[in-house]
Amino acid sequence: MPRPHASFVPGGGEVAMTGTTLEVQVERVVDGDTVRVFLPGAERGESVRILSLDTEEVSAGTKPVTELGRRASERAKELMEPGDTIRLILPGNDPLETALQRYRGNFGRLLCYVELADGTDFQEVMIREGFSPYFQKYGYAHFAGRHAAYVAAERAAQSGKLGIWDQIANNGSEMRNYAALTVWWDLRARIIEGYREIKRRMPEANLFNSRLDHAKLVEIAKAGGETTVFMELRDFSPTNDGDHIIFRTGSRAQPFSVFVPEANMGEGQEVMNLLLTRYVSESEMRPARSYAYVTGSLKLFPPETGDPEITVTRVDQVTDWPSASIERGISTLTGPVADA
């Protein structure tokens, strides 16, 4: 059954949010921040990407494989054994069926917080023991108690130089620059929190998230309507003829695209110059803002059967903060959220 939680508002206290909660059985631990589980009534396991964690790797990928990655995986296996019952908590106010569709990452994995059978916060344990930073790259923890606990846990691990906070002792060399990364992640989290705050105060605003509001964006695209979409600008590629650029900013489960026509000349080139210098991060060590508000008309591509897409032909369609019409409705916003 769903249980009530409270969402976090930096500098603004708490507002009501219902986190959808369900009990599942562990199939197996994959690594320190991923576990496979059996959802109620399911015969096949499903992958869960655990929110607020980013442990090091145990197999080759985009990040280095490290000793701390192996130890984080072993610690997770101590805490969650096959057959154990754990509790998944998905953000938001959604019914279970909607939440299971809505909260998924790039690879289709469920995005959840995890509590062990005795109520222990798995994320807090891993952060406090130095196996992971408090991972804010995709936003602060959704609930006030969790955010505060994870900040305190990270400070405790740092003060004790545990795990990733003493990489020379624990990994033999510095494999990732967490000092720099956590500053960038916090910038991103503040920008994301700005969007969350707008939606809390103006839930009916013509403003949507490219990942979380896929069904609504499909509806708008079918009607050829105009809206503002909050999105991360990251992966892009040229069309077959090389004249245009497509940013794929949703996920595999919720695809959404930004189309920049004539990207190598005139206003199209100006748009690309802005996106590449202000928003798109080249790497962890060459970060940028990452997130933007993009305003324009939506369509389905291919027509009728495709996915929602927004066309950008002018630089003023892409902004750090929503358009003036939305901004007038949120003129009461103050502090770090508005600054984002």
Foldseek 3Di string as FASTA:
>chain_A
DWDWFWFDAVVPDTDTFIWGKDKWFWQAQPWLQKTWTAGVPRPDTAIEGEAQWDFADCDDDPADHFQLRVVSRVVVCVQHPGGFMKMWTFTGRDDPVLSLLQQADQVRGHYTFIAGPVRHGSSLVCLLQARGQRQQQPAAPGGPVVNVSRVVSNVNCCVVCHHLNVCCVGGVDNRDDVVLLVVLSVLLRLLVSLVVVLCVLCVPAQEEEQRRPLVVLQVQQLVQHKGKYKWFFEDKDADPVRQKMKTFTYHPSRTEIEIQGRCPDDQNVVQVVCCVPAGYAPDSVRHHSRIWIAIATWHAVVHPPHGIYGYDRHNVRTHSDDDPVSCVVVVVDDDSSVVD
